[in-house]
Amino acid sequence: MNWKTETCLGDLDTEAQLEVTCRVCDHMRYELAGELWKRKGFKALYLDEVETRLTCGARKCGGGVRLQIMLDLREEGFVAGMP
């Protein structure tokens, strides 16, 4: 068990970005979870199932892909004061 087998595509926010990287040619693209929801039957799939159904978008490749969820990492300053 890992995070891909426990997380359903429908659990993600529509604006969540997924990095899709080809395992064959390393072509990389970003997909929004909301855009993947629009594909027939994808919203109910777990991320490992989505990963197996997606293919590389590069011309003449069509290889399998690897998914990663992109996190919004913001730098925020330390706000607490000294006693």
PDB file of N, CA and C in Angstrom:
ATOM      1  N   MET A   1       0.838  -1.185   0.000  1.00  0.00           N
ATOM      2  CA  MET A   1       0.000   0.000   0.000  1.00  0.00           C
ATOM      3  C   MET A   1       0.884   1.251   0.000  1.00  0.00           C
ATOM      4  N   ASN A   2       0.499   2.219  -0.814  1.00  0.00           N
ATOM      5  CA  ASN A   2       1.174   3.505  -0.815  1.00  0.00           C
ATOM      6  C   ASN A   2       0.152   4.605  -1.077  1.00  0.00           C
ATOM      7  N   TRP A   3       0.606   5.837  -1.176  1.00  0.00           N
ATOM      8  CA  TRP A   3      -0.323   6.963  -1.317  1.00  0.00           C
ATOM      9  C   TRP A   3      -1.112   6.899  -2.616  1.00  0.00           C
ATOM     10  N   LYS A   4      -0.584   6.276  -3.650  1.00  0.00           N
ATOM     11  CA  LYS A   4      -1.304   6.185  -4.926  1.00  0.00           C
ATOM     12  C   LYS A   4      -2.459   5.189  -4.858  1.00  0.00           C
ATOM     13  N   THR A   5      -2.319   4.158  -4.049  1.00  0.00           N
ATOM     14  CA  THR A   5      -3.391   3.173  -3.926  1.00  0.00           C
ATOM     15  C   THR A   5      -4.437   3.602  -2.909  1.00  0.00           C
ATOM     16  N   GLU A   6      -4.135   4.601  -2.092  1.00  0.00           N
ATOM     17  CA  GLU A   6      -5.062   5.071  -1.074  1.00  0.00           C
ATOM     18  C   GLU A   6      -5.773   6.368  -1.437  1.00  0.00           C
ATOM     19  N   THR A   7      -5.290   7.071  -2.467  1.00  0.00           N
ATOM     20  CA  THR A   7      -5.852   8.370  -2.843  1.00  0.00           C
ATOM     21  C   THR A   7      -6.643   8.245  -4.132  1.00  0.00           C
ATOM     22  N   CYS A   8      -7.881   8.666  -4.077  1.00  0.00           N
ATOM     23  CA  CYS A   8      -8.756   8.663  -5.248  1.00  0.00           C
ATOM     24  C   CYS A   8      -8.619  10.006  -5.969  1.00  0.00           C
ATOM     25  N   LEU A   9      -8.698  10.007  -7.267  1.00  0.00           N
ATOM     26  CA  LEU A   9      -8.612  11.251  -8.035  1.00  0.00           C
ATOM     27  C   LEU A   9      -9.700  12.224  -7.610  1.00  0.00           C
ATOM     28  N   GLY A  10     -10.876  11.706  -7.277  1.00  0.00           N
ATOM     29  CA  GLY A  10     -11.982  12.546  -6.830  1.00  0.00           C
ATOM     30  C   GLY A  10     -11.743  13.198  -5.479  1.00  0.00           C
ATOM     31  N   ASP A  11     -10.774  12.703  -4.712  1.00  0.00           N
ATOM     32  CA  ASP A  11     -10.436  13.292  -3.417  1.00  0.00           C
ATOM     33  C   ASP A  11      -9.613  14.569  -3.557  1.00  0.00           C
ATOM     34  N   LEU A  12      -8.972  14.742  -4.698  1.00  0.00           N
ATOM     35  CA  LEU A  12      -8.117  15.907  -4.912  1.00  0.00           C
ATOM     36  C   LEU A  12      -8.940  17.128  -5.298  1.00  0.00           C
ATOM     37  N   ASP A  13      -8.418  18.298  -4.962  1.00  0.00           N
ATOM     38  CA  ASP A  13      -9.021  19.562  -5.367  1.00  0.00           C
ATOM     39  C   ASP A  13      -8.924  19.691  -6.890  1.00  0.00           C
ATOM     40  N   THR A  14      -9.877  20.369  -7.505  1.00  0.00           N
ATOM     41  CA  THR A  14      -9.867  20.505  -8.961  1.00  0.00           C
ATOM     42  C   THR A  14      -8.637  21.255  -9.461  1.00  0.00           C
ATOM     43  N   GLU A  15      -8.049  22.109  -8.622  1.00  0.00           N
ATOM     44  CA  GLU A  15      -6.870  22.880  -9.022  1.00  0.00           C
ATOM     45  C   GLU A  15      -5.549  22.184  -8.669  1.00  0.00           C
ATOM     46  N   ALA A  16      -5.618  20.981  -8.119  1.00  0.00           N
ATOM     47  CA  ALA A  16      -4.395  20.245  -7.780  1.00  0.00           C
ATOM     48  C   ALA A  16      -3.645  19.886  -9.052  1.00  0.00           C
ATOM     49  N   GLN A  17      -2.347  20.177  -9.058  1.00  0.00           N
ATOM     50  CA  GLN A  17      -1.518  19.872 -10.227  1.00  0.00           C
ATOM     51  C   GLN A  17      -0.843  18.523 -10.053  1.00  0.00           C
ATOM     52  N   LEU A  18      -0.893  17.745 -11.124  1.00  0.00           N
ATOM     53  CA  LEU A  18      -0.208  16.465 -11.155  1.00  0.00           C
ATOM     54  C   LEU A  18       0.901  16.538 -12.191  1.00  0.00           C
ATOM     55  N   GLU A  19       2.100  16.148 -11.808  1.00  0.00           N
ATOM     56  CA  GLU A  19       3.215  16.079 -12.746  1.00  0.00           C
ATOM     57  C   GLU A  19       3.184  14.698 -13.372  1.00  0.00           C
ATOM     58  N   VAL A  20       3.110  14.640 -14.701  1.00  0.00           N
ATOM     59  CA  VAL A  20       3.050  13.382 -15.446  1.00  0.00           C
ATOM     60  C   VAL A  20       4.367  13.248 -16.209  1.00  0.00           C
ATOM     61  N   THR A  21       5.189  12.262 -15.831  1.00  0.00           N
ATOM     62  CA  THR A  21       6.496  12.068 -16.445  1.00  0.00           C
ATOM     63  C   THR A  21       6.553  10.708 -17.123  1.00  0.00           C
ATOM     64  N   CYS A  22       6.998  10.692 -18.366  1.00  0.00           N
ATOM     65  CA  CYS A  22       7.110   9.447 -19.114  1.00  0.00           C
ATOM     66  C   CYS A  22       8.254   8.598 -18.562  1.00  0.00           C
ATOM     67  N   ARG A  23       8.002   7.305 -18.410  1.00  0.00           N
ATOM     68  CA  ARG A  23       9.025   6.383 -17.924  1.00  0.00           C
ATOM     69  C   ARG A  23      10.022   6.004 -19.025  1.00  0.00           C
ATOM     70  N   VAL A  24       9.658   6.267 -20.293  1.00  0.00           N
ATOM     71  CA  VAL A  24      10.513   5.875 -21.415  1.00  0.00           C
ATOM     72  C   VAL A  24      11.395   7.039 -21.863  1.00  0.00           C
ATOM     73  N   CYS A  25      10.769   8.184 -22.194  1.00  0.00           N
ATOM     74  CA  CYS A  25      11.529   9.298 -22.775  1.00  0.00           C
ATOM     75  C   CYS A  25      11.701  10.494 -21.836  1.00  0.00           C
ATOM     76  N   ASP A  26      11.176  10.417 -20.620  1.00  0.00           N
ATOM     77  CA  ASP A  26      11.256  11.482 -19.611  1.00  0.00           C
ATOM     78  C   ASP A  26      10.547  12.773 -20.001  1.00  0.00           C
ATOM     79  N   HIS A  27       9.653  12.715 -20.989  1.00  0.00           N
ATOM     80  CA  HIS A  27       8.837  13.888 -21.325  1.00  0.00           C
ATOM     81  C   HIS A  27       7.935  14.187 -20.128  1.00  0.00           C
ATOM     82  N   MET A  28       7.828  15.475 -19.757  1.00  0.00           N
ATOM     83  CA  MET A  28       7.063  15.847 -18.581  1.00  0.00           C
ATOM     84  C   MET A  28       6.006  16.879 -18.941  1.00  0.00           C
ATOM     85  N   ARG A  29       4.821  16.719 -18.328  1.00  0.00           N
ATOM     86  CA  ARG A  29       3.749  17.695 -18.503  1.00  0.00           C
ATOM     87  C   ARG A  29       2.979  17.793 -17.192  1.00  0.00           C
ATOM     88  N   TYR A  30       2.178  18.840 -17.064  1.00  0.00           N
ATOM     89  CA  TYR A  30       1.337  19.024 -15.889  1.00  0.00           C
ATOM     90  C   TYR A  30      -0.120  18.864 -16.281  1.00  0.00           C
ATOM     91  N   GLU A  31      -0.880  18.202 -15.431  1.00  0.00           N
ATOM     92  CA  GLU A  31      -2.323  18.025 -15.626  1.00  0.00           C
ATOM     93  C   GLU A  31      -3.018  18.513 -14.365  1.00  0.00           C
ATOM     94  N   LEU A  32      -4.146  19.185 -14.529  1.00  0.00           N
ATOM     95  CA  LEU A  32      -4.971  19.552 -13.386  1.00  0.00           C
ATOM     96  C   LEU A  32      -5.908  18.400 -13.068  1.00  0.00           C
ATOM     97  N   ALA A  33      -6.138  18.155 -11.791  1.00  0.00           N
ATOM     98  CA  ALA A  33      -7.038  17.074 -11.391  1.00  0.00           C
ATOM     99  C   ALA A  33      -8.424  17.295 -11.985  1.00  0.00           C
ATOM    100  N   GLY A  34      -8.874  18.544 -12.029  1.00  0.00           N
ATOM    101  CA  GLY A  34     -10.187  18.861 -12.590  1.00  0.00           C
ATOM    102  C   GLY A  34     -10.313  18.495 -14.060  1.00  0.00           C
ATOM    103  N   GLU A  35      -9.230  18.628 -14.813  1.00  0.00           N
ATOM    104  CA  GLU A  35      -9.243  18.256 -16.230  1.00  0.00           C
ATOM    105  C   GLU A  35      -9.305  16.739 -16.386  1.00  0.00           C
ATOM    106  N   LEU A  36      -8.633  16.018 -15.505  1.00  0.00           N
ATOM    107  CA  LEU A  36      -8.675  14.555 -15.564  1.00  0.00           C
ATOM    108  C   LEU A  36     -10.049  14.028 -15.151  1.00  0.00           C
ATOM    109  N   TRP A  37     -10.742  14.772 -14.267  1.00  0.00           N
ATOM    110  CA  TRP A  37     -12.093  14.374 -13.855  1.00  0.00           C
ATOM    111  C   TRP A  37     -13.022  14.287 -15.049  1.00  0.00           C
ATOM    112  N   LYS A  38     -12.802  15.137 -16.046  1.00  0.00           N
ATOM    113  CA  LYS A  38     -13.690  15.217 -17.209  1.00  0.00           C
ATOM    114  C   LYS A  38     -13.595  13.984 -18.105  1.00  0.00           C
ATOM    115  N   ARG A  39     -12.501  13.241 -17.980  1.00  0.00           N
ATOM    116  CA  ARG A  39     -12.374  12.018 -18.779  1.00  0.00           C
ATOM    117  C   ARG A  39     -13.312  10.954 -18.225  1.00  0.00           C
ATOM    118  N   LYS A  40     -13.912  10.199 -19.089  1.00  0.00           N
ATOM    119  CA  LYS A  40     -14.934   9.231 -18.705  1.00  0.00           C
ATOM    120  C   LYS A  40     -14.405   8.206 -17.694  1.00  0.00           C
ATOM    121  N   GLY A  41     -15.025   8.181 -16.513  1.00  0.00           N
ATOM    122  CA  GLY A  41     -14.701   7.209 -15.491  1.00  0.00           C
ATOM    123  C   GLY A  41     -13.465   7.491 -14.653  1.00  0.00           C
ATOM    124  N   PHE A  42     -12.757   8.572 -14.909  1.00  0.00           N
ATOM    125  CA  PHE A  42     -11.504   8.833 -14.205  1.00  0.00           C
ATOM    126  C   PHE A  42     -11.710   9.305 -12.769  1.00  0.00           C
ATOM    127  N   LYS A  43     -12.808  10.011 -12.476  1.00  0.00           N
ATOM    128  CA  LYS A  43     -12.989  10.611 -11.154  1.00  0.00           C
ATOM    129  C   LYS A  43     -13.029   9.557 -10.054  1.00  0.00           C
ATOM    130  N   ALA A  44     -13.535   8.379 -10.340  1.00  0.00           N
ATOM    131  CA  ALA A  44     -13.652   7.326  -9.332  1.00  0.00           C
ATOM    132  C   ALA A  44     -12.390   6.476  -9.203  1.00  0.00           C
ATOM    133  N   LEU A  45     -11.388   6.696 -10.041  1.00  0.00           N
ATOM    134  CA  LEU A  45     -10.175   5.878 -10.030  1.00  0.00           C
ATOM    135  C   LEU A  45      -9.193   6.319  -8.953  1.00  0.00           C
ATOM    136  N   TYR A  46      -8.439   5.358  -8.434  1.00  0.00           N
ATOM    137  CA  TYR A  46      -7.323   5.682  -7.549  1.00  0.00           C
ATOM    138  C   TYR A  46      -6.152   6.128  -8.416  1.00  0.00           C
ATOM    139  N   LEU A  47      -5.212   6.859  -7.818  1.00  0.00           N
ATOM    140  CA  LEU A  47      -4.120   7.434  -8.601  1.00  0.00           C
ATOM    141  C   LEU A  47      -3.238   6.389  -9.269  1.00  0.00           C
ATOM    142  N   ASP A  48      -3.094   5.203  -8.687  1.00  0.00           N
ATOM    143  CA  ASP A  48      -2.311   4.165  -9.360  1.00  0.00           C
ATOM    144  C   ASP A  48      -3.022   3.681 -10.619  1.00  0.00           C
ATOM    145  N   GLU A  49      -4.364   3.684 -10.602  1.00  0.00           N
ATOM    146  CA  GLU A  49      -5.133   3.295 -11.785  1.00  0.00           C
ATOM    147  C   GLU A  49      -5.072   4.386 -12.859  1.00  0.00           C
ATOM    148  N   VAL A  50      -5.087   5.645 -12.428  1.00  0.00           N
ATOM    149  CA  VAL A  50      -4.945   6.759 -13.369  1.00  0.00           C
ATOM    150  C   VAL A  50      -3.586   6.677 -14.034  1.00  0.00           C
ATOM    151  N   GLU A  51      -2.559   6.383 -13.247  1.00  0.00           N
ATOM    152  CA  GLU A  51      -1.193   6.269 -13.749  1.00  0.00           C
ATOM    153  C   GLU A  51      -1.081   5.197 -14.839  1.00  0.00           C
ATOM    154  N   THR A  52      -1.761   4.067 -14.661  1.00  0.00           N
ATOM    155  CA  THR A  52      -1.680   3.002 -15.662  1.00  0.00           C
ATOM    156  C   THR A  52      -2.473   3.334 -16.924  1.00  0.00           C
ATOM    157  N   ARG A  53      -3.506   4.169 -16.816  1.00  0.00           N
ATOM    158  CA  ARG A  53      -4.323   4.513 -17.989  1.00  0.00           C
ATOM    159  C   ARG A  53      -3.749   5.658 -18.813  1.00  0.00           C
ATOM    160  N   LEU A  54      -2.976   6.542 -18.189  1.00  0.00           N
ATOM    161  CA  LEU A  54      -2.382   7.658 -18.931  1.00  0.00           C
ATOM    162  C   LEU A  54      -1.162   7.184 -19.711  1.00  0.00           C
ATOM    163  N   THR A  55      -0.907   7.847 -20.823  1.00  0.00           N
ATOM    164  CA  THR A  55       0.284   7.549 -21.624  1.00  0.00           C
ATOM    165  C   THR A  55       1.041   8.841 -21.901  1.00  0.00           C
ATOM    166  N   CYS A  56       2.243   8.703 -22.389  1.00  0.00           N
ATOM    167  CA  CYS A  56       3.092   9.844 -22.712  1.00  0.00           C
ATOM    168  C   CYS A  56       2.443  10.685 -23.808  1.00  0.00           C
ATOM    169  N   GLY A  57       2.573  11.996 -23.688  1.00  0.00           N
ATOM    170  CA  GLY A  57       2.003  12.905 -24.673  1.00  0.00           C
ATOM    171  C   GLY A  57       2.972  13.285 -25.781  1.00  0.00           C
ATOM    172  N   ALA A  58       4.205  12.817 -25.686  1.00  0.00           N
ATOM    173  CA  ALA A  58       5.196  13.146 -26.712  1.00  0.00           C
ATOM    174  C   ALA A  58       4.883  12.393 -28.005  1.00  0.00           C
ATOM    175  N   ARG A  59       5.190  13.029 -29.099  1.00  0.00           N
ATOM    176  CA  ARG A  59       4.933  12.440 -30.414  1.00  0.00           C
ATOM    177  C   ARG A  59       5.665  11.113 -30.578  1.00  0.00           C
ATOM    178  N   LYS A  60       4.957  10.098 -31.006  1.00  0.00           N
ATOM    179  CA  LYS A  60       5.471   8.757 -31.322  1.00  0.00           C
ATOM    180  C   LYS A  60       6.055   8.005 -30.125  1.00  0.00           C
ATOM    181  N   CYS A  61       5.711   8.387 -28.898  1.00  0.00           N
ATOM    182  CA  CYS A  61       6.229   7.647 -27.744  1.00  0.00           C
ATOM    183  C   CYS A  61       5.147   6.732 -27.177  1.00  0.00           C
ATOM    184  N   GLY A  62       4.153   7.281 -26.518  1.00  0.00           N
ATOM    185  CA  GLY A  62       3.063   6.490 -25.963  1.00  0.00           C
ATOM    186  C   GLY A  62       3.457   5.607 -24.796  1.00  0.00           C
ATOM    187  N   GLY A  63       4.594   5.891 -24.149  1.00  0.00           N
ATOM    188  CA  GLY A  63       5.054   5.086 -23.021  1.00  0.00           C
ATOM    189  C   GLY A  63       4.236   5.305 -21.766  1.00  0.00           C
ATOM    190  N   GLY A  64       4.448   4.450 -20.785  1.00  0.00           N
ATOM    191  CA  GLY A  64       3.786   4.581 -19.497  1.00  0.00           C
ATOM    192  C   GLY A  64       4.314   5.783 -18.730  1.00  0.00           C
ATOM    193  N   VAL A  65       3.526   6.267 -17.778  1.00  0.00           N
ATOM    194  CA  VAL A  65       3.896   7.485 -17.049  1.00  0.00           C
ATOM    195  C   VAL A  65       3.968   7.243 -15.553  1.00  0.00           C
ATOM    196  N   ARG A  66       4.576   8.213 -14.867  1.00  0.00           N
ATOM    197  CA  ARG A  66       4.672   8.239 -13.414  1.00  0.00           C
ATOM    198  C   ARG A  66       4.001   9.532 -12.947  1.00  0.00           C
ATOM    199  N   LEU A  67       3.176   9.455 -11.902  1.00  0.00           N
ATOM    200  CA  LEU A  67       2.463  10.622 -11.383  1.00  0.00           C
ATOM    201  C   LEU A  67       3.089  11.123 -10.093  1.00  0.00           C
ATOM    202  N   GLN A  68       3.088  12.445  -9.929  1.00  0.00           N
ATOM    203  CA  GLN A  68       3.473  13.084  -8.684  1.00  0.00           C
ATOM    204  C   GLN A  68       2.516  14.233  -8.444  1.00  0.00           C
ATOM    205  N   ILE A  69       2.114  14.419  -7.202  1.00  0.00           N
ATOM    206  CA  ILE A  69       1.273  15.560  -6.851  1.00  0.00           C
ATOM    207  C   ILE A  69       2.192  16.727  -6.534  1.00  0.00           C
ATOM    208  N   MET A  70       1.940  17.865  -7.167  1.00  0.00           N
ATOM    209  CA  MET A  70       2.732  19.060  -6.922  1.00  0.00           C
ATOM    210  C   MET A  70       2.123  19.807  -5.743  1.00  0.00           C
ATOM    211  N   LEU A  71       2.949  20.099  -4.754  1.00  0.00           N
ATOM    212  CA  LEU A  71       2.493  20.800  -3.561  1.00  0.00           C
ATOM    213  C   LEU A  71       2.766  22.283  -3.694  1.00  0.00           C
ATOM    214  N   ASP A  72       1.894  23.081  -3.100  1.00  0.00           N
ATOM    215  CA  ASP A  72       2.074  24.527  -3.089  1.00  0.00           C
ATOM    216  C   ASP A  72       2.967  24.871  -1.900  1.00  0.00           C
ATOM    217  N   LEU A  73       4.245  25.005  -2.166  1.00  0.00           N
ATOM    218  CA  LEU A  73       5.198  25.292  -1.097  1.00  0.00           C
ATOM    219  C   LEU A  73       5.488  26.783  -1.058  1.00  0.00           C
ATOM    220  N   ARG A  74       4.920  27.455  -0.077  1.00  0.00           N
ATOM    221  CA  ARG A  74       5.122  28.889   0.078  1.00  0.00           C
ATOM    222  C   ARG A  74       6.078  29.141   1.233  1.00  0.00           C
ATOM    223  N   GLU A  75       6.929  30.108   1.052  1.00  0.00           N
ATOM    224  CA  GLU A  75       7.814  30.492   2.147  1.00  0.00           C
ATOM    225  C   GLU A  75       7.124  31.591   2.937  1.00  0.00           C
ATOM    226  N   GLU A  76       7.041  31.390   4.232  1.00  0.00           N
ATOM    227  CA  GLU A  76       6.433  32.384   5.098  1.00  0.00           C
ATOM    228  C   GLU A  76       7.413  32.705   6.207  1.00  0.00           C
ATOM    229  N   GLY A  77       7.461  33.972   6.574  1.00  0.00           N
ATOM    230  CA  GLY A  77       8.372  34.413   7.614  1.00  0.00           C
ATOM    231  C   GLY A  77       7.934  33.960   8.990  1.00  0.00           C
ATOM    232  N   PHE A  78       8.889  33.916   9.907  1.00  0.00           N
ATOM    233  CA  PHE A  78       8.603  33.558  11.303  1.00  0.00           C
ATOM    234  C   PHE A  78       7.956  34.767  11.964  1.00  0.00           C
ATOM    235  N   VAL A  79       6.801  34.568  12.607  1.00  0.00           N
ATOM    236  CA  VAL A  79       6.007  35.675  13.098  1.00  0.00           C
ATOM    237  C   VAL A  79       6.055  35.801  14.622  1.00  0.00           C
ATOM    238  N   ALA A  80       6.398  34.762  15.348  1.00  0.00           N
ATOM    239  CA  ALA A  80       6.338  34.782  16.806  1.00  0.00           C
ATOM    240  C   ALA A  80       7.374  35.750  17.391  1.00  0.00           C
ATOM    241  N   GLY A  81       7.035  36.331  18.525  1.00  0.00           N
ATOM    242  CA  GLY A  81       7.949  37.259  19.196  1.00  0.00           C
ATOM    243  C   GLY A  81       8.699  36.586  20.309  1.00  0.00           C
ATOM    244  N   MET A  82       9.688  37.276  20.850  1.00  0.00           N
ATOM    245  CA  MET A  82      10.474  36.733  21.970  1.00  0.00           C
ATOM    246  C   MET A  82       9.797  37.096  23.277  1.00  0.00           C
ATOM    247  N   PRO A  83       9.890  36.225  24.303  1.00  0.00           N
ATOM    248  CA  PRO A  83       9.227  36.528  25.583  1.00  0.00           C
ATOM    249  C   PRO A  83       9.907  37.641  26.348  1.00  0.00           C
TER     250      PRO A  83
END
